[in-house]
């Protein structure tokens, strides 16, 4: 039950106080939002990091009044991975099992989370629900864990991201919402859009959509197709971003999703800022042209250039939370906080 709805029912006397007490106790045990003083477990389930990343992460968390914990394994290197699959998987399980940990924040993305999906202990996670935060390669963990367990997952900055004022403002759902939360475009991104087309917000198909949020990195969404962890999009508002891909590669991945019926019953599509995906050859289509041509045929509310992706100013989307999306105005309203 949604926490806000539950509280309203208590106030109206619809739920008896004794039942309410039990329900609230279960809620606090499994789905407690973060607050100042919460203890964050830091993990590297994908790419390698260095000490500088840890230092930046610690500075970020301390500025938010959060405590932190990590093992020495976060600095491990196994080729391009932050340790073996066995070690990275154990780090995830240990953080969920540790009752002193209030939330789990990935220090970075990279590559490697899809290698772990078949071995995740979903029963363990379901018994120890707590927020998981990250983006990019973390897309695979967020959507899979939410779909399999209902444990709160947030597509937002990694712990070592640059925490701009905009980014911090829209971390709000992590700490619980008592009212609808409006997410507009970052003013800094709007300004960048005057000089850099990749930052320009453009409505593809006008209209409004309402549904639960799902999505993340385009490359990861494609890689999950045909697996037991494929992202479900029926009646969902799908959000997508990517980085460093040529327009023709974006074309290819969107085409694969379309052909696979990925968007068939989706309510709307929010495309982020595809940083580094500009065309390099003047004879090819631009990123904006490719995205508009592929997405417009779906005839559902959609827009490109919303403030999330591999950029400094990025909002946080709770996976599975109900939201409203206005493709014409460039606005998302979170109706739930994801807990």
C-alpha atoms as a PDB file:
ATOM      1  CA  UNK A   1       0.000   0.000   0.000  1.00  0.00           C
ATOM      2  CA  UNK A   2       1.246   3.509  -0.809  1.00  0.00           C
ATOM      3  CA  UNK A   3       2.438   5.185   2.405  1.00  0.00           C
ATOM      4  CA  UNK A   4       0.570   8.433   1.743  1.00  0.00           C
ATOM      5  CA  UNK A   5      -2.689   6.598   0.928  1.00  0.00           C
ATOM      6  CA  UNK A   6      -2.249   4.445   4.028  1.00  0.00           C
ATOM      7  CA  UNK A   7      -1.871   7.521   6.249  1.00  0.00           C
ATOM      8  CA  UNK A   8      -4.973   9.073   4.697  1.00  0.00           C
ATOM      9  CA  UNK A   9      -6.970   5.919   5.459  1.00  0.00           C
ATOM     10  CA  UNK A  10      -5.817   6.009   9.063  1.00  0.00           C
ATOM     11  CA  UNK A  11      -6.899   9.655   9.379  1.00  0.00           C
ATOM     12  CA  UNK A  12     -10.332   8.806   7.981  1.00  0.00           C
ATOM     13  CA  UNK A  13     -10.703   5.883  10.359  1.00  0.00           C
ATOM     14  CA  UNK A  14     -10.955   3.384   7.511  1.00  0.00           C
ATOM     15  CA  UNK A  15      -8.166   1.314   9.055  1.00  0.00           C
ATOM     16  CA  UNK A  16      -8.319   0.317  12.728  1.00  0.00           C
ATOM     17  CA  UNK A  17      -5.456   1.617  14.845  1.00  0.00           C
ATOM     18  CA  UNK A  18      -4.265  -1.871  15.830  1.00  0.00           C
ATOM     19  CA  UNK A  19      -4.145  -2.959  12.211  1.00  0.00           C
ATOM     20  CA  UNK A  20      -2.524   0.334  11.290  1.00  0.00           C
ATOM     21  CA  UNK A  21       0.159  -0.215  13.879  1.00  0.00           C
ATOM     22  CA  UNK A  22       0.979  -3.645  12.454  1.00  0.00           C
ATOM     23  CA  UNK A  23       0.948  -2.372   8.864  1.00  0.00           C
ATOM     24  CA  UNK A  24       3.134   0.587   9.750  1.00  0.00           C
ATOM     25  CA  UNK A  25       5.538  -1.694  11.574  1.00  0.00           C
ATOM     26  CA  UNK A  26       5.894  -3.835   8.447  1.00  0.00           C
ATOM     27  CA  UNK A  27       6.309  -0.703   6.335  1.00  0.00           C
ATOM     28  CA  UNK A  28       9.083   0.635   8.527  1.00  0.00           C
ATOM     29  CA  UNK A  29      10.815  -2.715   8.586  1.00  0.00           C
ATOM     30  CA  UNK A  30      10.923  -3.131   4.837  1.00  0.00           C
ATOM     31  CA  UNK A  31      10.382   0.189   3.099  1.00  0.00           C
ATOM     32  CA  UNK A  32      11.721   3.010   5.217  1.00  0.00           C
ATOM     33  CA  UNK A  33      12.830   6.087   3.227  1.00  0.00           C
ATOM     34  CA  UNK A  34      16.295   7.441   3.827  1.00  0.00           C
ATOM     35  CA  UNK A  35      16.857  10.301   6.254  1.00  0.00           C
ATOM     36  CA  UNK A  36      19.802  12.205   7.711  1.00  0.00           C
ATOM     37  CA  UNK A  37      21.940   9.728   9.578  1.00  0.00           C
ATOM     38  CA  UNK A  38      20.905   6.764   7.441  1.00  0.00           C
ATOM     39  CA  UNK A  39      23.716   4.313   6.777  1.00  0.00           C
ATOM     40  CA  UNK A  40      24.513   3.717   3.108  1.00  0.00           C
ATOM     41  CA  UNK A  41      26.198   0.586   1.856  1.00  0.00           C
ATOM     42  CA  UNK A  42      28.508   1.398  -1.072  1.00  0.00           C
ATOM     43  CA  UNK A  43      29.105  -1.180  -3.794  1.00  0.00           C
ATOM     44  CA  UNK A  44      30.827  -1.492  -7.180  1.00  0.00           C
ATOM     45  CA  UNK A  45      28.782  -4.155  -9.012  1.00  0.00           C
ATOM     46  CA  UNK A  46      30.181  -3.297 -12.439  1.00  0.00           C
ATOM     47  CA  UNK A  47      33.245  -1.258 -13.489  1.00  0.00           C
ATOM     48  CA  UNK A  48      36.408  -0.536 -11.518  1.00  0.00           C
ATOM     49  CA  UNK A  49      37.025   2.609  -9.491  1.00  0.00           C
ATOM     50  CA  UNK A  50      39.984   4.335  -7.848  1.00  0.00           C
ATOM     51  CA  UNK A  51      40.469   6.068  -4.508  1.00  0.00           C
ATOM     52  CA  UNK A  52      39.493   9.437  -5.997  1.00  0.00           C
ATOM     53  CA  UNK A  53      36.024   8.035  -6.710  1.00  0.00           C
ATOM     54  CA  UNK A  54      35.697   6.859  -3.138  1.00  0.00           C
ATOM     55  CA  UNK A  55      36.809  10.250  -1.817  1.00  0.00           C
ATOM     56  CA  UNK A  56      34.230  12.039  -3.970  1.00  0.00           C
ATOM     57  CA  UNK A  57      31.555   9.581  -2.896  1.00  0.00           C
ATOM     58  CA  UNK A  58      32.290  10.096   0.788  1.00  0.00           C
ATOM     59  CA  UNK A  59      32.224  13.882   0.347  1.00  0.00           C
ATOM     60  CA  UNK A  60      28.823  13.594  -1.387  1.00  0.00           C
ATOM     61  CA  UNK A  61      27.277  11.453   1.332  1.00  0.00           C
ATOM     62  CA  UNK A  62      28.678  13.495   4.189  1.00  0.00           C
ATOM     63  CA  UNK A  63      27.272  16.671   2.604  1.00  0.00           C
ATOM     64  CA  UNK A  64      23.834  14.997   2.665  1.00  0.00           C
ATOM     65  CA  UNK A  65      24.212  13.965   6.293  1.00  0.00           C
ATOM     66  CA  UNK A  66      24.427  10.269   5.438  1.00  0.00           C
ATOM     67  CA  UNK A  67      26.712   7.698   7.013  1.00  0.00           C
ATOM     68  CA  UNK A  68      28.484   5.152   4.831  1.00  0.00           C
ATOM     69  CA  UNK A  69      30.093   1.744   4.818  1.00  0.00           C
ATOM     70  CA  UNK A  70      32.072  -0.187   2.221  1.00  0.00           C
ATOM     71  CA  UNK A  71      34.507  -3.077   2.183  1.00  0.00           C
ATOM     72  CA  UNK A  72      37.964  -3.140   0.629  1.00  0.00           C
ATOM     73  CA  UNK A  73      36.424  -5.058  -2.277  1.00  0.00           C
ATOM     74  CA  UNK A  74      35.155  -1.848  -3.897  1.00  0.00           C
ATOM     75  CA  UNK A  75      38.721  -1.236  -5.123  1.00  0.00           C
ATOM     76  CA  UNK A  76      39.270  -4.684  -6.575  1.00  0.00           C
ATOM     77  CA  UNK A  77      40.189  -5.057 -10.252  1.00  0.00           C
ATOM     78  CA  UNK A  78      39.527  -8.081 -12.399  1.00  0.00           C
ATOM     79  CA  UNK A  79      40.199  -6.863 -15.934  1.00  0.00           C
ATOM     80  CA  UNK A  80      37.459  -4.299 -16.586  1.00  0.00           C
ATOM     81  CA  UNK A  81      35.384  -5.551 -13.654  1.00  0.00           C
ATOM     82  CA  UNK A  82      35.473  -4.490  -9.994  1.00  0.00           C
ATOM     83  CA  UNK A  83      36.372  -7.968  -8.823  1.00  0.00           C
ATOM     84  CA  UNK A  84      35.128 -11.397  -9.827  1.00  0.00           C
ATOM     85  CA  UNK A  85      31.438 -12.097 -10.357  1.00  0.00           C
ATOM     86  CA  UNK A  86      31.419 -14.096  -7.122  1.00  0.00           C
ATOM     87  CA  UNK A  87      32.814 -11.227  -5.073  1.00  0.00           C
ATOM     88  CA  UNK A  88      30.575  -8.557  -6.612  1.00  0.00           C
ATOM     89  CA  UNK A  89      27.517 -10.750  -6.120  1.00  0.00           C
ATOM     90  CA  UNK A  90      28.441 -11.376  -2.481  1.00  0.00           C
ATOM     91  CA  UNK A  91      28.803  -7.627  -1.898  1.00  0.00           C
ATOM     92  CA  UNK A  92      25.231  -7.089  -3.080  1.00  0.00           C
ATOM     93  CA  UNK A  93      23.839  -9.921  -0.961  1.00  0.00           C
ATOM     94  CA  UNK A  94      25.788  -8.863   2.122  1.00  0.00           C
ATOM     95  CA  UNK A  95      24.504  -5.286   1.905  1.00  0.00           C
ATOM     96  CA  UNK A  96      20.906  -6.488   1.694  1.00  0.00           C
ATOM     97  CA  UNK A  97      21.399  -8.954   4.557  1.00  0.00           C
ATOM     98  CA  UNK A  98      23.088  -6.419   6.845  1.00  0.00           C
ATOM     99  CA  UNK A  99      20.316  -4.967   9.027  1.00  0.00           C
ATOM    100  CA  UNK A 100      22.456  -1.926   9.888  1.00  0.00           C
ATOM    101  CA  UNK A 101      22.434  -0.819   6.217  1.00  0.00           C
ATOM    102  CA  UNK A 102      19.521   1.465   5.301  1.00  0.00           C
ATOM    103  CA  UNK A 103      20.219   1.854   1.593  1.00  0.00           C
ATOM    104  CA  UNK A 104      22.598   0.668  -1.118  1.00  0.00           C
ATOM    105  CA  UNK A 105      24.246   3.154  -3.471  1.00  0.00           C
ATOM    106  CA  UNK A 106      26.397   2.106  -6.428  1.00  0.00           C
ATOM    107  CA  UNK A 107      29.621   4.109  -6.667  1.00  0.00           C
ATOM    108  CA  UNK A 108      29.670   3.854 -10.466  1.00  0.00           C
ATOM    109  CA  UNK A 109      28.245   1.976 -13.431  1.00  0.00           C
ATOM    110  CA  UNK A 110      30.479   0.634 -16.180  1.00  0.00           C
ATOM    111  CA  UNK A 111      29.875  -2.941 -17.327  1.00  0.00           C
ATOM    112  CA  UNK A 112      29.174  -6.130 -15.440  1.00  0.00           C
ATOM    113  CA  UNK A 113      25.780  -6.170 -13.745  1.00  0.00           C
ATOM    114  CA  UNK A 114      24.078  -8.362 -16.359  1.00  0.00           C
ATOM    115  CA  UNK A 115      26.556 -11.133 -15.488  1.00  0.00           C
ATOM    116  CA  UNK A 116      25.080 -11.252 -11.975  1.00  0.00           C
ATOM    117  CA  UNK A 117      21.347 -11.293 -12.671  1.00  0.00           C
ATOM    118  CA  UNK A 118      20.899 -15.073 -12.962  1.00  0.00           C
ATOM    119  CA  UNK A 119      22.536 -15.581  -9.559  1.00  0.00           C
ATOM    120  CA  UNK A 120      20.801 -12.932  -7.448  1.00  0.00           C
ATOM    121  CA  UNK A 121      19.090 -14.269  -4.326  1.00  0.00           C
ATOM    122  CA  UNK A 122      15.703 -12.642  -4.796  1.00  0.00           C
ATOM    123  CA  UNK A 123      14.290 -14.257  -1.657  1.00  0.00           C
ATOM    124  CA  UNK A 124      17.059 -12.658   0.399  1.00  0.00           C
ATOM    125  CA  UNK A 125      16.391  -9.271  -1.179  1.00  0.00           C
ATOM    126  CA  UNK A 126      12.638  -9.587  -0.706  1.00  0.00           C
ATOM    127  CA  UNK A 127      13.137 -10.298   3.002  1.00  0.00           C
ATOM    128  CA  UNK A 128      15.429  -7.276   3.383  1.00  0.00           C
ATOM    129  CA  UNK A 129      13.956  -4.564   1.179  1.00  0.00           C
ATOM    130  CA  UNK A 130      15.904  -1.320   1.053  1.00  0.00           C
ATOM    131  CA  UNK A 131      16.543   1.365  -1.587  1.00  0.00           C
ATOM    132  CA  UNK A 132      19.074   0.695  -4.336  1.00  0.00           C
ATOM    133  CA  UNK A 133      20.373   3.694  -6.281  1.00  0.00           C
ATOM    134  CA  UNK A 134      22.337   4.144  -9.511  1.00  0.00           C
ATOM    135  CA  UNK A 135      22.070   4.441 -13.289  1.00  0.00           C
ATOM    136  CA  UNK A 136      23.803   3.414 -16.532  1.00  0.00           C
ATOM    137  CA  UNK A 137      24.802  -0.276 -16.172  1.00  0.00           C
ATOM    138  CA  UNK A 138      22.923  -0.335 -12.872  1.00  0.00           C
ATOM    139  CA  UNK A 139      19.760  -0.265 -15.030  1.00  0.00           C
ATOM    140  CA  UNK A 140      19.877  -4.072 -15.119  1.00  0.00           C
ATOM    141  CA  UNK A 141      19.891  -4.381 -11.327  1.00  0.00           C
ATOM    142  CA  UNK A 142      17.232  -1.728 -10.749  1.00  0.00           C
ATOM    143  CA  UNK A 143      14.591  -3.137 -13.057  1.00  0.00           C
ATOM    144  CA  UNK A 144      15.290  -6.794 -12.322  1.00  0.00           C
ATOM    145  CA  UNK A 145      15.306  -6.417  -8.550  1.00  0.00           C
ATOM    146  CA  UNK A 146      12.158  -4.295  -8.594  1.00  0.00           C
ATOM    147  CA  UNK A 147      10.303  -6.699 -10.905  1.00  0.00           C
ATOM    148  CA  UNK A 148      11.306  -9.773  -8.910  1.00  0.00           C
ATOM    149  CA  UNK A 149      10.989  -8.428  -5.359  1.00  0.00           C
ATOM    150  CA  UNK A 150       9.268  -5.031  -5.228  1.00  0.00           C
ATOM    151  CA  UNK A 151      12.242  -3.680  -3.275  1.00  0.00           C
ATOM    152  CA  UNK A 152      12.577   0.094  -3.895  1.00  0.00           C
ATOM    153  CA  UNK A 153      14.950   0.987  -6.731  1.00  0.00           C
ATOM    154  CA  UNK A 154      15.882   4.465  -7.906  1.00  0.00           C
ATOM    155  CA  UNK A 155      17.333   5.481 -11.255  1.00  0.00           C
ATOM    156  CA  UNK A 156      19.454   8.413 -10.178  1.00  0.00           C
ATOM    157  CA  UNK A 157      23.038   9.571  -9.849  1.00  0.00           C
ATOM    158  CA  UNK A 158      25.701   7.115  -8.780  1.00  0.00           C
ATOM    159  CA  UNK A 159      27.297   7.931  -5.447  1.00  0.00           C
ATOM    160  CA  UNK A 160      30.351   9.516  -7.097  1.00  0.00           C
ATOM    161  CA  UNK A 161      28.321  11.749  -9.445  1.00  0.00           C
ATOM    162  CA  UNK A 162      28.560  15.530  -9.382  1.00  0.00           C
ATOM    163  CA  UNK A 163      25.761  16.554  -7.035  1.00  0.00           C
ATOM    164  CA  UNK A 164      24.530  19.839  -8.515  1.00  0.00           C
ATOM    165  CA  UNK A 165      21.702  21.801  -6.907  1.00  0.00           C
ATOM    166  CA  UNK A 166      19.289  20.341  -9.482  1.00  0.00           C
ATOM    167  CA  UNK A 167      20.477  16.785  -8.841  1.00  0.00           C
ATOM    168  CA  UNK A 168      20.196  17.187  -5.069  1.00  0.00           C
ATOM    169  CA  UNK A 169      16.750  18.760  -5.307  1.00  0.00           C
ATOM    170  CA  UNK A 170      15.432  15.807  -7.257  1.00  0.00           C
ATOM    171  CA  UNK A 171      16.897  13.198  -4.937  1.00  0.00           C
ATOM    172  CA  UNK A 172      13.735  13.986  -2.946  1.00  0.00           C
ATOM    173  CA  UNK A 173      11.989  10.631  -3.546  1.00  0.00           C
ATOM    174  CA  UNK A 174      14.847   8.831  -1.777  1.00  0.00           C
ATOM    175  CA  UNK A 175      13.830  10.585   1.424  1.00  0.00           C
ATOM    176  CA  UNK A 176      10.092  10.019   0.974  1.00  0.00           C
ATOM    177  CA  UNK A 177       7.433  12.322  -0.449  1.00  0.00           C
ATOM    178  CA  UNK A 178       4.460  13.774   1.395  1.00  0.00           C
ATOM    179  CA  UNK A 179       3.125  15.448  -1.749  1.00  0.00           C
ATOM    180  CA  UNK A 180       3.455  15.194  -5.517  1.00  0.00           C
ATOM    181  CA  UNK A 181       6.956  16.053  -6.685  1.00  0.00           C
ATOM    182  CA  UNK A 182       7.296  18.104  -9.877  1.00  0.00           C
ATOM    183  CA  UNK A 183      10.393  17.594 -12.031  1.00  0.00           C
ATOM    184  CA  UNK A 184      11.023  20.180 -14.715  1.00  0.00           C
ATOM    185  CA  UNK A 185      13.988  20.691 -17.001  1.00  0.00           C
ATOM    186  CA  UNK A 186      17.328  21.776 -15.581  1.00  0.00           C
ATOM    187  CA  UNK A 187      17.898  25.452 -16.399  1.00  0.00           C
ATOM    188  CA  UNK A 188      21.582  24.731 -16.957  1.00  0.00           C
ATOM    189  CA  UNK A 189      20.715  22.037 -19.483  1.00  0.00           C
ATOM    190  CA  UNK A 190      18.314  24.421 -21.227  1.00  0.00           C
ATOM    191  CA  UNK A 191      21.126  26.956 -21.523  1.00  0.00           C
ATOM    192  CA  UNK A 192      23.517  24.317 -22.882  1.00  0.00           C
ATOM    193  CA  UNK A 193      20.901  23.421 -25.462  1.00  0.00           C
ATOM    194  CA  UNK A 194      21.317  26.789 -27.178  1.00  0.00           C
ATOM    195  CA  UNK A 195      24.819  25.733 -28.243  1.00  0.00           C
ATOM    196  CA  UNK A 196      24.703  21.935 -28.113  1.00  0.00           C
ATOM    197  CA  UNK A 197      21.823  20.174 -29.876  1.00  0.00           C
ATOM    198  CA  UNK A 198      22.230  17.048 -27.742  1.00  0.00           C
ATOM    199  CA  UNK A 199      20.905  19.049 -24.751  1.00  0.00           C
ATOM    200  CA  UNK A 200      17.933  20.568 -26.574  1.00  0.00           C
ATOM    201  CA  UNK A 201      14.530  19.540 -25.336  1.00  0.00           C
ATOM    202  CA  UNK A 202      12.109  18.663 -28.134  1.00  0.00           C
ATOM    203  CA  UNK A 203       8.615  17.244 -28.039  1.00  0.00           C
ATOM    204  CA  UNK A 204       8.298  14.317 -30.442  1.00  0.00           C
ATOM    205  CA  UNK A 205       4.628  13.491 -29.932  1.00  0.00           C
ATOM    206  CA  UNK A 206       2.654  15.933 -27.750  1.00  0.00           C
ATOM    207  CA  UNK A 207       0.322  14.762 -25.032  1.00  0.00           C
ATOM    208  CA  UNK A 208       0.187  13.512 -21.472  1.00  0.00           C
ATOM    209  CA  UNK A 209       0.750  10.045 -20.078  1.00  0.00           C
ATOM    210  CA  UNK A 210       0.140   8.472 -16.692  1.00  0.00           C
ATOM    211  CA  UNK A 211       1.648   5.227 -15.517  1.00  0.00           C
ATOM    212  CA  UNK A 212       4.414   3.562 -13.551  1.00  0.00           C
ATOM    213  CA  UNK A 213       8.036   4.352 -14.399  1.00  0.00           C
ATOM    214  CA  UNK A 214      10.428   1.821 -15.950  1.00  0.00           C
ATOM    215  CA  UNK A 215      13.586   2.069 -18.003  1.00  0.00           C
ATOM    216  CA  UNK A 216      17.139   3.335 -17.924  1.00  0.00           C
ATOM    217  CA  UNK A 217      20.114   2.913 -20.222  1.00  0.00           C
ATOM    218  CA  UNK A 218      19.194   2.010 -23.811  1.00  0.00           C
ATOM    219  CA  UNK A 219      22.060  -0.446 -24.287  1.00  0.00           C
ATOM    220  CA  UNK A 220      21.057  -2.327 -21.138  1.00  0.00           C
ATOM    221  CA  UNK A 221      17.371  -2.416 -22.057  1.00  0.00           C
ATOM    222  CA  UNK A 222      18.344  -4.011 -25.367  1.00  0.00           C
ATOM    223  CA  UNK A 223      20.707  -6.487 -23.719  1.00  0.00           C
ATOM    224  CA  UNK A 224      17.890  -7.724 -21.465  1.00  0.00           C
ATOM    225  CA  UNK A 225      15.541  -8.531 -24.341  1.00  0.00           C
ATOM    226  CA  UNK A 226      14.777 -12.240 -24.574  1.00  0.00           C
ATOM    227  CA  UNK A 227      16.085 -12.967 -21.073  1.00  0.00           C
ATOM    228  CA  UNK A 228      14.242 -13.767 -17.868  1.00  0.00           C
ATOM    229  CA  UNK A 229      15.021 -10.192 -16.799  1.00  0.00           C
ATOM    230  CA  UNK A 230      13.487  -8.346 -19.733  1.00  0.00           C
ATOM    231  CA  UNK A 231      11.999  -5.025 -18.614  1.00  0.00           C
ATOM    232  CA  UNK A 232       8.197  -5.029 -18.595  1.00  0.00           C
ATOM    233  CA  UNK A 233       6.655  -1.922 -20.164  1.00  0.00           C
ATOM    234  CA  UNK A 234       2.916  -2.599 -20.339  1.00  0.00           C
ATOM    235  CA  UNK A 235       1.078   0.564 -19.215  1.00  0.00           C
ATOM    236  CA  UNK A 236       4.415   2.094 -18.202  1.00  0.00           C
ATOM    237  CA  UNK A 237       6.066   5.430 -18.842  1.00  0.00           C
ATOM    238  CA  UNK A 238       9.418   4.340 -20.247  1.00  0.00           C
ATOM    239  CA  UNK A 239      12.488   6.521 -19.721  1.00  0.00           C
ATOM    240  CA  UNK A 240      15.643   5.982 -21.771  1.00  0.00           C
ATOM    241  CA  UNK A 241      19.154   7.452 -22.020  1.00  0.00           C
ATOM    242  CA  UNK A 242      22.541   6.492 -23.427  1.00  0.00           C
ATOM    243  CA  UNK A 243      26.054   7.851 -23.847  1.00  0.00           C
ATOM    244  CA  UNK A 244      28.823   7.810 -26.440  1.00  0.00           C
ATOM    245  CA  UNK A 245      26.884   5.987 -29.161  1.00  0.00           C
ATOM    246  CA  UNK A 246      26.819   7.097 -32.815  1.00  0.00           C
ATOM    247  CA  UNK A 247      23.334   7.998 -34.127  1.00  0.00           C
ATOM    248  CA  UNK A 248      23.207   4.873 -36.299  1.00  0.00           C
ATOM    249  CA  UNK A 249      23.802   2.716 -33.217  1.00  0.00           C
ATOM    250  CA  UNK A 250      20.986   4.503 -31.384  1.00  0.00           C
ATOM    251  CA  UNK A 251      18.857   3.836 -34.489  1.00  0.00           C
ATOM    252  CA  UNK A 252      19.762   0.146 -34.390  1.00  0.00           C
ATOM    253  CA  UNK A 253      18.942  -0.270 -30.702  1.00  0.00           C
ATOM    254  CA  UNK A 254      15.648   1.617 -30.894  1.00  0.00           C
ATOM    255  CA  UNK A 255      14.716  -0.411 -33.966  1.00  0.00           C
ATOM    256  CA  UNK A 256      15.405  -3.637 -32.089  1.00  0.00           C
ATOM    257  CA  UNK A 257      13.197  -2.531 -29.184  1.00  0.00           C
ATOM    258  CA  UNK A 258      10.417  -1.546 -31.586  1.00  0.00           C
ATOM    259  CA  UNK A 259      10.647  -4.842 -33.479  1.00  0.00           C
ATOM    260  CA  UNK A 260      10.563  -6.764 -30.207  1.00  0.00           C
ATOM    261  CA  UNK A 261       7.322  -5.032 -29.206  1.00  0.00           C
ATOM    262  CA  UNK A 262       9.025  -3.343 -26.267  1.00  0.00           C
ATOM    263  CA  UNK A 263       6.950  -0.153 -26.618  1.00  0.00           C
ATOM    264  CA  UNK A 264       3.755  -1.840 -27.818  1.00  0.00           C
ATOM    265  CA  UNK A 265       1.666  -1.128 -24.712  1.00  0.00           C
ATOM    266  CA  UNK A 266       3.737   1.675 -23.187  1.00  0.00           C
ATOM    267  CA  UNK A 267       1.935   4.880 -22.199  1.00  0.00           C
ATOM    268  CA  UNK A 268       4.725   7.349 -22.927  1.00  0.00           C
ATOM    269  CA  UNK A 269       8.449   7.684 -23.619  1.00  0.00           C
ATOM    270  CA  UNK A 270      10.842  10.092 -21.893  1.00  0.00           C
ATOM    271  CA  UNK A 271      14.223  10.336 -23.591  1.00  0.00           C
ATOM    272  CA  UNK A 272      17.046  11.885 -21.607  1.00  0.00           C
ATOM    273  CA  UNK A 273      20.139  13.712 -22.790  1.00  0.00           C
ATOM    274  CA  UNK A 274      22.173  11.313 -24.933  1.00  0.00           C
ATOM    275  CA  UNK A 275      25.568  12.818 -24.121  1.00  0.00           C
ATOM    276  CA  UNK A 276      28.331  12.158 -26.639  1.00  0.00           C
ATOM    277  CA  UNK A 277      25.933  10.729 -29.221  1.00  0.00           C
ATOM    278  CA  UNK A 278      26.339  13.532 -31.768  1.00  0.00           C
ATOM    279  CA  UNK A 279      26.944  12.673 -35.394  1.00  0.00           C
ATOM    280  CA  UNK A 280      30.565  12.804 -36.569  1.00  0.00           C
ATOM    281  CA  UNK A 281      29.855  12.700 -40.324  1.00  0.00           C
ATOM    282  CA  UNK A 282      27.827  15.516 -41.884  1.00  0.00           C
ATOM    283  CA  UNK A 283      26.306  13.060 -44.349  1.00  0.00           C
ATOM    284  CA  UNK A 284      24.577  11.079 -41.599  1.00  0.00           C
ATOM    285  CA  UNK A 285      21.414  11.896 -39.678  1.00  0.00           C
ATOM    286  CA  UNK A 286      21.635  13.806 -36.442  1.00  0.00           C
ATOM    287  CA  UNK A 287      20.787  12.163 -33.150  1.00  0.00           C
ATOM    288  CA  UNK A 288      17.600  14.216 -32.889  1.00  0.00           C
ATOM    289  CA  UNK A 289      16.495  13.188 -36.390  1.00  0.00           C
ATOM    290  CA  UNK A 290      17.101   9.513 -35.666  1.00  0.00           C
ATOM    291  CA  UNK A 291      15.269   9.559 -32.345  1.00  0.00           C
ATOM    292  CA  UNK A 292      12.302  11.533 -33.689  1.00  0.00           C
ATOM    293  CA  UNK A 293      11.907   9.290 -36.757  1.00  0.00           C
ATOM    294  CA  UNK A 294      12.042   6.072 -34.691  1.00  0.00           C
ATOM    295  CA  UNK A 295       9.839   7.196 -31.811  1.00  0.00           C
ATOM    296  CA  UNK A 296       7.199   9.279 -33.594  1.00  0.00           C
ATOM    297  CA  UNK A 297       5.756   6.196 -35.320  1.00  0.00           C
ATOM    298  CA  UNK A 298       4.752   4.841 -31.909  1.00  0.00           C
ATOM    299  CA  UNK A 299       2.164   7.614 -31.572  1.00  0.00           C
ATOM    300  CA  UNK A 300       2.349   7.979 -27.794  1.00  0.00           C
ATOM    301  CA  UNK A 301       3.421  11.064 -25.788  1.00  0.00           C
ATOM    302  CA  UNK A 302       7.170  11.351 -26.129  1.00  0.00           C
ATOM    303  CA  UNK A 303       9.980  13.877 -25.931  1.00  0.00           C
ATOM    304  CA  UNK A 304      13.764  14.047 -26.120  1.00  0.00           C
ATOM    305  CA  UNK A 305      16.163  15.919 -23.843  1.00  0.00           C
ATOM    306  CA  UNK A 306      14.712  15.515 -20.364  1.00  0.00           C
ATOM    307  CA  UNK A 307      17.218  16.156 -17.575  1.00  0.00           C
ATOM    308  CA  UNK A 308      18.699  12.734 -16.876  1.00  0.00           C
ATOM    309  CA  UNK A 309      21.464  10.620 -18.344  1.00  0.00           C
ATOM    310  CA  UNK A 310      25.247  10.769 -18.269  1.00  0.00           C
ATOM    311  CA  UNK A 311      25.179  14.457 -17.370  1.00  0.00           C
ATOM    312  CA  UNK A 312      25.735  16.554 -14.262  1.00  0.00           C
ATOM    313  CA  UNK A 313      22.165  17.774 -13.809  1.00  0.00           C
ATOM    314  CA  UNK A 314      20.007  14.685 -13.542  1.00  0.00           C
ATOM    315  CA  UNK A 315      16.769  13.842 -11.811  1.00  0.00           C
ATOM    316  CA  UNK A 316      15.877  10.655  -9.962  1.00  0.00           C
ATOM    317  CA  UNK A 317      13.102   8.318 -11.138  1.00  0.00           C
ATOM    318  CA  UNK A 318      11.726   5.706  -8.699  1.00  0.00           C
ATOM    319  CA  UNK A 319      11.223   2.458 -10.610  1.00  0.00           C
ATOM    320  CA  UNK A 320       7.589   1.354 -10.457  1.00  0.00           C
ATOM    321  CA  UNK A 321       6.281   4.615  -9.003  1.00  0.00           C
ATOM    322  CA  UNK A 322       3.198   6.215 -10.536  1.00  0.00           C
ATOM    323  CA  UNK A 323       3.929   9.412 -12.449  1.00  0.00           C
ATOM    324  CA  UNK A 324       2.444  11.829 -14.943  1.00  0.00           C
ATOM    325  CA  UNK A 325       4.426  12.968 -17.972  1.00  0.00           C
ATOM    326  CA  UNK A 326       3.656  16.024 -20.077  1.00  0.00           C
ATOM    327  CA  UNK A 327       5.581  15.688 -23.344  1.00  0.00           C
ATOM    328  CA  UNK A 328       4.626  19.181 -24.469  1.00  0.00           C
ATOM    329  CA  UNK A 329       5.803  21.055 -21.373  1.00  0.00           C
ATOM    330  CA  UNK A 330       8.740  18.832 -20.471  1.00  0.00           C
ATOM    331  CA  UNK A 331       7.468  17.980 -17.007  1.00  0.00           C
ATOM    332  CA  UNK A 332       7.191  14.856 -14.905  1.00  0.00           C
ATOM    333  CA  UNK A 333       5.127  14.718 -11.713  1.00  0.00           C
ATOM    334  CA  UNK A 334       5.938  11.919  -9.300  1.00  0.00           C
ATOM    335  CA  UNK A 335       2.736  10.751  -7.636  1.00  0.00           C
ATOM    336  CA  UNK A 336       4.589   8.242  -5.458  1.00  0.00           C
ATOM    337  CA  UNK A 337       8.064   8.094  -3.968  1.00  0.00           C
ATOM    338  CA  UNK A 338       8.840   4.479  -4.851  1.00  0.00           C
ATOM    339  CA  UNK A 339       8.500   3.074  -1.350  1.00  0.00           C
END
